Amino acid sequence: MSLLWMDYETEFQNLVNAASGLEQEGNPEYFAGLSSAVKKIIYRDTRYNVDFLYTAYVLKDSKVIRDYAVWLYELMASVLKNRTRLETVDYVVGHLEYIKEGAKRTVSEDKLPEILTLIENAQESIREHVKNPKEPEVRTSLYEEQIQEYMETLFEKNTRKALALIKKFTDQGIPATTVYVEILAESMRRVGELWHTAKISVDTEHYCTSVTQMAMAQMYPVIFSDERKDKTILCACPGTELHEIGARMVADVFENDGWDGIFLGAAVPEEYLMKAIRENKPDLVALSVTMPQHLMVCADLVKKIKEEFPDMKVAVGGGAFKSTHEIWKQWPVDIYSEDARELLARANEMVCQGN
């Protein structure tokens, strides 16, 4: 979860307070037995839920809150092991009901109908998910053996072995870009899923990310060795987006192909990102968004980049876009891609070949 809160209108902050208060009033005995620290966590989670509601409202995209509600249900089903799945449905739907009642007290009349509909969509998506469960997506890879071996070393907390393993893969002749996309990126995707379903703790997820960044760094002598193309890509995570490893992988994959990469990292304030674009005049700006709450900032940035630099190519990607109805199609972007290699191929065709 993002550690930096998004900004929204006062009435939505009031909604967080109202929903939290209503939930405490509705469960007095339960809350009476909780410590202040646990109450703060529940309040934090209520605000996080309102973050997604607000995002869905501003973007006019119900898939944001529907996908999030299903994810929230699955997370709680993993945590509340003493409850049946139907009991967990009642628990999560009931929590959303407090937000719904809070909205009636705090949200202005012009916004309220749409807000209530979004919450009802979220509740219904949970019921549909439990009634007609979908089989989880099973991804198979040509490098399944390497992925499994690497992830095992991560869960063993064996940093030295993990780094040696990645070096072994490159020594065996697996191209650096393939190691990045097929092994490291896929491993981190699976680590993220394990964390989302509470099968690993947040400290383990952070450790896996840290070691993967170290593994990437040790590959830099190979990554930076190719002949230069005199083309530049600038990569960043806009707003308060903290998940930077995807953007960093994109920059490195382009470096390995001869581009010069300018990687600005996570949570780049808008004014400084625009400043970096003005100063460096990249051929391609790539923005990565993992959490849907940051899509609004990304949309504003894309618009401002295109207004100031109409001919500059802009690409977007990241897990957040999967929880939308292809919202990037409404933006003036040149490329959307979920894969760093596909992005590279399209950028080379568009920028290097002038198409």
Protein backbone atom coordinates (compact mmCIF):
# COMPACT_ATOMS: atom_id res chain seq x y z
CA MET A 1 0.00 0.00 0.00
CA SER A 2 1.11 3.55 -0.65
CA LEU A 3 2.56 5.29 2.39
CA LEU A 4 1.77 8.77 1.09
CA TRP A 5 -1.86 9.83 1.11
CA MET A 6 -3.53 11.34 -1.91
CA ASP A 7 -5.16 14.74 -1.63
CA TYR A 8 -8.89 15.11 -2.13
CA GLU A 9 -11.74 17.49 -1.35
CA THR A 10 -12.65 18.16 2.26
CA GLU A 11 -15.95 16.32 1.97
CA PHE A 12 -14.12 13.06 1.22
CA GLN A 13 -11.88 13.51 4.24
CA ASN A 14 -15.07 14.09 6.20
CA LEU A 15 -16.38 10.87 4.68
CA VAL A 16 -13.43 8.94 6.16
CA ASN A 17 -14.18 10.38 9.60
CA ALA A 18 -17.91 9.74 9.31
CA ALA A 19 -17.52 6.15 8.10
CA SER A 20 -14.98 5.41 10.83
CA GLY A 21 -17.28 6.86 13.49
CA LEU A 22 -20.31 4.94 12.21
CA GLU A 23 -18.37 1.67 12.23
CA GLN A 24 -17.33 2.23 15.84
CA GLU A 25 -20.90 3.11 16.82
CA GLY A 26 -22.17 -0.04 15.10
CA ASN A 27 -19.66 -2.32 16.85
CA PRO A 28 -19.15 -0.80 20.31
CA GLU A 29 -18.12 -3.99 22.12
CA TYR A 30 -15.61 -4.93 19.44
CA PHE A 31 -13.97 -1.50 19.34
CA ALA A 32 -13.95 -1.25 23.13
CA GLY A 33 -11.53 -4.16 23.26
CA LEU A 34 -9.10 -2.74 20.70
CA SER A 35 -5.92 -0.86 21.45
CA SER A 36 -5.43 2.66 20.14
CA ALA A 37 -2.82 1.32 17.71
CA VAL A 38 -5.30 -1.14 16.16
CA LYS A 39 -7.95 1.58 15.93
CA LYS A 40 -5.48 3.72 14.00
CA ILE A 41 -4.88 0.85 11.59
CA ILE A 42 -8.63 0.44 11.00
CA TYR A 43 -8.95 4.19 10.41
CA ARG A 44 -6.01 4.05 7.99
CA ASP A 45 -7.65 1.21 6.08
CA THR A 46 -10.93 3.14 5.88
CA ARG A 47 -9.08 6.06 4.35
CA TYR A 48 -7.36 3.72 1.92
CA ASN A 49 -10.77 2.41 0.82
CA VAL A 50 -12.03 5.95 0.31
CA ASP A 51 -8.90 6.65 -1.75
CA PHE A 52 -10.02 4.02 -4.27
CA LEU A 53 -13.61 5.26 -4.17
CA TYR A 54 -12.48 8.80 -4.88
CA THR A 55 -10.19 7.60 -7.68
CA ALA A 56 -13.03 5.70 -9.34
CA TYR A 57 -15.26 8.77 -9.01
CA VAL A 58 -12.77 11.24 -10.51
CA LEU A 59 -11.73 8.91 -13.32
CA LYS A 60 -15.35 7.92 -14.03
CA ASP A 61 -14.24 4.28 -14.10
CA SER A 62 -16.12 1.79 -11.92
CA LYS A 63 -13.59 -0.97 -12.62
CA VAL A 64 -11.17 0.77 -10.23
CA ILE A 65 -13.43 0.21 -7.21
CA ARG A 66 -14.81 -3.13 -8.41
CA ASP A 67 -11.37 -4.69 -8.81
CA TYR A 68 -10.24 -3.20 -5.53
CA ALA A 69 -13.27 -4.58 -3.67
CA VAL A 70 -12.53 -8.11 -4.89
CA TRP A 71 -8.88 -7.70 -3.91
CA LEU A 72 -9.94 -6.43 -0.46
CA TYR A 73 -12.27 -9.38 0.00
CA GLU A 74 -9.53 -11.89 -0.92
CA LEU A 75 -7.11 -10.17 1.43
CA MET A 76 -9.57 -10.31 4.33
CA ALA A 77 -10.42 -13.94 3.54
CA SER A 78 -6.73 -14.74 3.95
CA VAL A 79 -6.47 -12.77 7.20
CA LEU A 80 -9.76 -13.74 8.85
CA LYS A 81 -9.14 -17.47 8.86
CA ASN A 82 -11.69 -18.04 11.62
CA ARG A 83 -14.52 -16.89 9.32
CA THR A 84 -16.15 -18.70 6.43
CA ARG A 85 -15.95 -17.05 3.02
CA LEU A 86 -19.61 -16.04 3.27
CA GLU A 87 -18.98 -14.49 6.69
CA THR A 88 -16.08 -12.57 5.17
CA VAL A 89 -18.41 -11.33 2.43
CA ASP A 90 -20.74 -9.96 5.08
CA TYR A 91 -17.80 -8.37 6.91
CA VAL A 92 -16.36 -6.55 3.87
CA VAL A 93 -19.74 -5.61 2.40
CA GLY A 94 -20.73 -4.31 5.83
CA HIS A 95 -17.59 -2.20 6.04
CA LEU A 96 -18.43 -0.67 2.66
CA GLU A 97 -21.97 -0.05 3.93
CA TYR A 98 -20.56 2.21 6.66
CA ILE A 99 -18.76 4.19 3.95
CA LYS A 100 -22.03 4.35 2.02
CA GLU A 101 -23.89 5.70 5.06
CA GLY A 102 -21.05 8.12 5.77
CA ALA A 103 -21.30 9.43 2.21
CA LYS A 104 -24.97 10.27 2.74
CA ARG A 105 -23.91 12.55 5.59
CA THR A 106 -20.88 14.21 4.04
CA VAL A 107 -20.90 14.16 0.23
CA SER A 108 -22.66 16.94 -1.66
CA GLU A 109 -25.91 16.17 -3.46
CA ASP A 110 -24.39 16.59 -6.92
CA LYS A 111 -21.80 13.88 -6.22
CA LEU A 112 -23.81 11.56 -3.98
CA PRO A 113 -25.74 9.48 -6.57
CA GLU A 114 -22.56 8.51 -8.41
CA ILE A 115 -20.71 7.79 -5.16
CA LEU A 116 -23.50 5.53 -3.90
CA THR A 117 -23.60 3.69 -7.22
CA LEU A 118 -19.85 3.08 -7.09
CA ILE A 119 -20.09 1.65 -3.57
CA GLU A 120 -22.99 -0.58 -4.59
CA ASN A 121 -20.94 -1.74 -7.59
CA ALA A 122 -18.11 -2.63 -5.23
CA GLN A 123 -20.42 -4.60 -2.95
CA GLU A 124 -21.99 -6.42 -5.88
CA SER A 125 -18.59 -7.29 -7.36
CA ILE A 126 -17.70 -9.11 -4.13
CA ARG A 127 -20.94 -11.11 -4.18
CA GLU A 128 -20.44 -11.99 -7.85
CA HIS A 129 -16.84 -13.00 -7.20
CA VAL A 130 -17.84 -15.45 -4.47
CA LYS A 131 -20.89 -16.74 -6.33
CA ASN A 132 -19.03 -17.29 -9.61
CA PRO A 133 -15.34 -17.54 -8.72
CA LYS A 134 -12.89 -17.28 -11.57
CA GLU A 135 -9.98 -19.62 -11.85
CA PRO A 136 -6.78 -17.77 -10.93
CA GLU A 137 -4.59 -16.89 -13.86
CA VAL A 138 -1.78 -19.41 -14.24
CA ARG A 139 1.27 -18.09 -16.02
CA THR A 140 3.86 -20.45 -17.37
CA SER A 141 7.24 -19.30 -18.54
CA LEU A 142 10.05 -20.77 -20.58
CA TYR A 143 12.14 -19.78 -17.59
CA GLU A 144 9.92 -21.36 -14.93
CA GLU A 145 12.82 -23.31 -13.44
CA GLN A 146 14.92 -20.15 -13.05
CA ILE A 147 11.99 -18.23 -11.57
CA GLN A 148 11.32 -20.90 -8.98
CA GLU A 149 15.00 -21.17 -8.09
CA TYR A 150 15.34 -17.41 -7.69
CA MET A 151 12.19 -17.06 -5.58
CA GLU A 152 13.31 -19.88 -3.30
CA THR A 153 16.54 -18.02 -2.55
CA LEU A 154 14.54 -14.87 -1.81
CA PHE A 155 12.29 -16.64 0.69
CA GLU A 156 15.35 -18.22 2.28
CA LYS A 157 16.59 -14.63 2.83
CA ASN A 158 19.86 -15.69 1.20
CA THR A 159 21.05 -12.51 -0.48
CA ARG A 160 24.45 -13.84 -1.53
CA LYS A 161 22.90 -16.90 -3.17
CA ALA A 162 20.24 -14.84 -4.96
CA LEU A 163 22.82 -12.48 -6.47
CA ALA A 164 25.06 -15.40 -7.48
CA LEU A 165 22.07 -17.07 -9.11
CA ILE A 166 21.35 -14.08 -11.35
CA LYS A 167 25.03 -13.93 -12.33
CA LYS A 168 24.86 -17.63 -13.18
CA PHE A 169 21.89 -17.02 -15.48
CA THR A 170 23.77 -14.33 -17.41
CA ASP A 171 26.90 -16.48 -17.53
CA GLN A 172 24.77 -19.23 -19.07
CA GLY A 173 24.00 -16.87 -21.94
CA ILE A 174 20.51 -15.71 -21.02
CA PRO A 175 20.30 -12.14 -22.42
CA ALA A 176 20.17 -9.35 -19.84
CA THR A 177 16.80 -8.11 -21.09
CA THR A 178 15.38 -11.62 -20.80
CA VAL A 179 16.68 -11.92 -17.25
CA TYR A 180 15.00 -8.62 -16.43
CA VAL A 181 11.60 -9.33 -18.00
CA GLU A 182 11.21 -13.10 -17.84
CA ILE A 183 12.87 -13.83 -14.50
CA LEU A 184 13.17 -10.74 -12.28
CA ALA A 185 9.97 -8.93 -13.32
CA GLU A 186 7.89 -12.12 -13.24
CA SER A 187 9.32 -13.08 -9.86
CA MET A 188 8.40 -9.69 -8.45
CA ARG A 189 4.90 -9.94 -9.90
CA ARG A 190 4.43 -13.23 -8.08
CA VAL A 191 5.92 -11.81 -4.88
CA GLY A 192 3.38 -8.99 -5.10
CA GLU A 193 0.52 -11.46 -5.46
CA LEU A 194 1.73 -13.39 -2.42
CA TRP A 195 1.80 -10.19 -0.38
CA HIS A 196 -1.63 -9.11 -1.63
CA THR A 197 -3.10 -12.38 -0.40
CA ALA A 198 -1.27 -12.16 2.95
CA LYS A 199 0.83 -15.25 2.19
CA ILE A 200 4.02 -13.29 2.88
CA SER A 201 4.55 -10.30 5.16
CA VAL A 202 5.39 -6.77 4.07
CA ASP A 203 8.97 -7.08 5.36
CA THR A 204 9.50 -10.12 3.12
CA GLU A 205 8.04 -8.25 0.14
CA HIS A 206 10.38 -5.32 0.81
CA TYR A 207 13.35 -7.67 1.15
CA CYS A 208 12.56 -9.33 -2.19
CA THR A 209 12.35 -5.92 -3.86
CA SER A 210 15.63 -4.78 -2.31
CA VAL A 211 17.52 -7.89 -3.38
CA THR A 212 16.07 -7.69 -6.89
CA GLN A 213 17.29 -4.10 -7.18
CA MET A 214 20.75 -5.30 -6.09
CA ALA A 215 20.62 -8.07 -8.70
CA MET A 216 19.77 -5.50 -11.36
CA ALA A 217 22.64 -3.27 -10.27
CA GLN A 218 25.20 -6.04 -10.58
CA MET A 219 24.16 -6.48 -14.21
CA TYR A 220 25.03 -2.89 -15.11
CA PRO A 221 28.43 -3.66 -16.70
CA VAL A 222 26.46 -5.65 -19.30
CA ILE A 223 23.49 -3.27 -19.46
CA PHE A 224 25.63 -0.21 -20.26
CA SER A 225 28.03 -1.90 -22.69
CA ASP A 226 26.12 -1.61 -25.98
CA GLU A 227 26.75 1.02 -28.62
CA ARG A 228 24.77 4.23 -28.06
CA LYS A 229 21.87 5.28 -30.28
CA ASP A 230 21.86 8.96 -29.34
CA LYS A 231 18.31 8.59 -28.04
CA THR A 232 17.12 9.30 -24.50
CA ILE A 233 14.31 7.95 -22.37
CA LEU A 234 13.22 9.63 -19.14
CA CYS A 235 11.42 7.32 -16.68
CA ALA A 236 9.57 8.33 -13.53
CA CYS A 237 6.77 7.44 -11.13
CA PRO A 238 4.43 10.45 -10.85
CA GLY A 239 2.66 11.86 -7.83
CA THR A 240 3.29 9.94 -4.62
CA GLU A 241 3.75 6.60 -6.38
CA LEU A 242 6.40 4.68 -4.43
CA HIS A 243 6.68 1.53 -6.53
CA GLU A 244 9.65 2.32 -8.72
CA ILE A 245 11.15 -1.02 -9.71
CA GLY A 246 9.07 -1.30 -12.90
CA ALA A 247 10.19 2.11 -14.14
CA ARG A 248 13.76 1.28 -13.29
CA MET A 249 13.55 -1.95 -15.28
CA VAL A 250 12.25 0.00 -18.27
CA ALA A 251 15.16 2.45 -18.08
CA ASP A 252 17.66 -0.40 -17.87
CA VAL A 253 16.13 -2.35 -20.76
CA PHE A 254 16.41 0.76 -22.93
CA GLU A 255 20.01 1.31 -21.75
CA ASN A 256 20.82 -2.23 -22.79
CA ASP A 257 19.55 -1.38 -26.28
CA GLY A 258 21.77 1.69 -26.60
CA TRP A 259 19.44 4.39 -25.32
CA ASP A 260 20.52 6.79 -22.59
CA GLY A 261 18.23 6.40 -19.62
CA ILE A 262 17.33 9.11 -17.13
CA PHE A 263 15.64 7.40 -14.18
CA LEU A 264 14.08 9.85 -11.72
CA GLY A 265 12.67 7.21 -9.36
CA ALA A 266 9.58 7.25 -7.17
CA ALA A 267 7.19 10.01 -6.09
CA VAL A 268 8.49 12.69 -8.44
CA PRO A 269 6.71 16.04 -7.89
CA GLU A 270 5.14 17.40 -11.03
CA GLU A 271 7.19 20.62 -11.17
CA TYR A 272 10.48 18.74 -10.96
CA LEU A 273 9.47 16.17 -13.54
CA MET A 274 8.56 18.96 -15.95
CA LYS A 275 11.84 20.70 -15.11
CA ALA A 276 13.77 17.51 -15.93
CA ILE A 277 11.96 17.22 -19.26
CA ARG A 278 12.76 20.82 -20.18
CA GLU A 279 16.43 20.43 -19.28
CA ASN A 280 17.06 17.01 -20.86
CA LYS A 281 14.61 17.05 -23.80
CA PRO A 282 14.23 13.24 -23.94
CA ASP A 283 12.97 11.46 -27.02
CA LEU A 284 10.54 9.46 -24.89
CA VAL A 285 8.98 10.04 -21.47
CA ALA A 286 7.78 6.86 -19.74
CA LEU A 287 5.51 7.12 -16.70
CA SER A 288 4.88 4.10 -14.49
CA VAL A 289 1.88 3.80 -12.16
CA THR A 290 1.34 0.78 -9.91
CA MET A 291 -1.45 2.00 -7.62
CA PRO A 292 -4.66 3.39 -9.22
CA GLN A 293 -4.77 6.37 -6.82
CA HIS A 294 -1.92 7.93 -8.78
CA LEU A 295 -3.59 7.68 -12.19
CA MET A 296 -5.17 11.14 -11.81
CA VAL A 297 -1.76 12.76 -11.38
CA CYS A 298 -0.46 10.75 -14.32
CA ALA A 299 -3.32 11.95 -16.51
CA ASP A 300 -2.59 15.58 -15.63
CA LEU A 301 1.12 15.09 -16.33
CA VAL A 302 0.52 13.53 -19.74
CA LYS A 303 -1.69 16.47 -20.67
CA LYS A 304 0.86 19.05 -19.50
CA ILE A 305 3.75 17.31 -21.26
CA LYS A 306 1.84 17.23 -24.54
CA GLU A 307 0.74 20.85 -24.18
CA GLU A 308 4.31 22.06 -23.70
CA PHE A 309 6.02 19.51 -25.97
CA PRO A 310 3.47 18.44 -28.62
CA ASP A 311 6.00 16.34 -30.55
CA MET A 312 7.48 14.53 -27.55
CA LYS A 313 6.57 10.85 -27.33
CA VAL A 314 4.90 9.76 -24.09
CA ALA A 315 4.42 6.19 -22.86
CA VAL A 316 2.51 4.90 -19.85
CA GLY A 317 2.35 1.53 -18.15
CA GLY A 318 2.13 -0.26 -14.84
CA GLY A 319 -0.27 -2.42 -12.89
CA ALA A 320 -2.70 0.43 -12.13
CA PHE A 321 -3.95 0.52 -15.72
CA LYS A 322 -5.20 -3.08 -15.48
CA SER A 323 -7.85 -1.90 -13.01
CA THR A 324 -9.39 0.49 -15.55
CA HIS A 325 -11.44 0.25 -18.71
CA GLU A 326 -8.36 1.04 -20.82
CA ILE A 327 -8.33 4.59 -19.55
CA TRP A 328 -5.11 5.40 -21.37
CA LYS A 329 -7.12 5.48 -24.60
CA GLN A 330 -8.66 8.73 -23.34
CA TRP A 331 -5.23 10.33 -22.89
CA PRO A 332 -2.87 11.79 -25.51
CA VAL A 333 -0.29 9.03 -25.04
CA ASP A 334 1.72 7.53 -27.87
CA ILE A 335 2.38 4.12 -26.33
CA TYR A 336 0.79 1.94 -23.68
CA SER A 337 2.57 -1.28 -22.83
CA GLU A 338 2.67 -3.84 -20.02
CA ASP A 339 6.02 -5.27 -21.14
CA ALA A 340 9.37 -3.43 -21.23
CA ARG A 341 10.48 -5.30 -24.35
CA GLU A 342 7.29 -4.45 -26.22
CA LEU A 343 7.70 -0.81 -25.18
CA LEU A 344 11.28 -0.85 -26.46
CA ALA A 345 10.27 -2.36 -29.80
CA ARG A 346 7.51 0.20 -30.32
CA ALA A 347 9.72 3.08 -29.22
CA ASN A 348 12.49 2.04 -31.62
CA GLU A 349 9.96 1.89 -34.45
CA MET A 350 8.37 5.22 -33.52
CA VAL A 351 11.44 7.24 -32.51
CA CYS A 352 14.45 5.67 -34.17
CA GLN A 353 12.72 4.95 -37.47
CA GLY A 354 10.69 8.13 -37.39
CA ASN A 355 7.26 6.46 -37.61
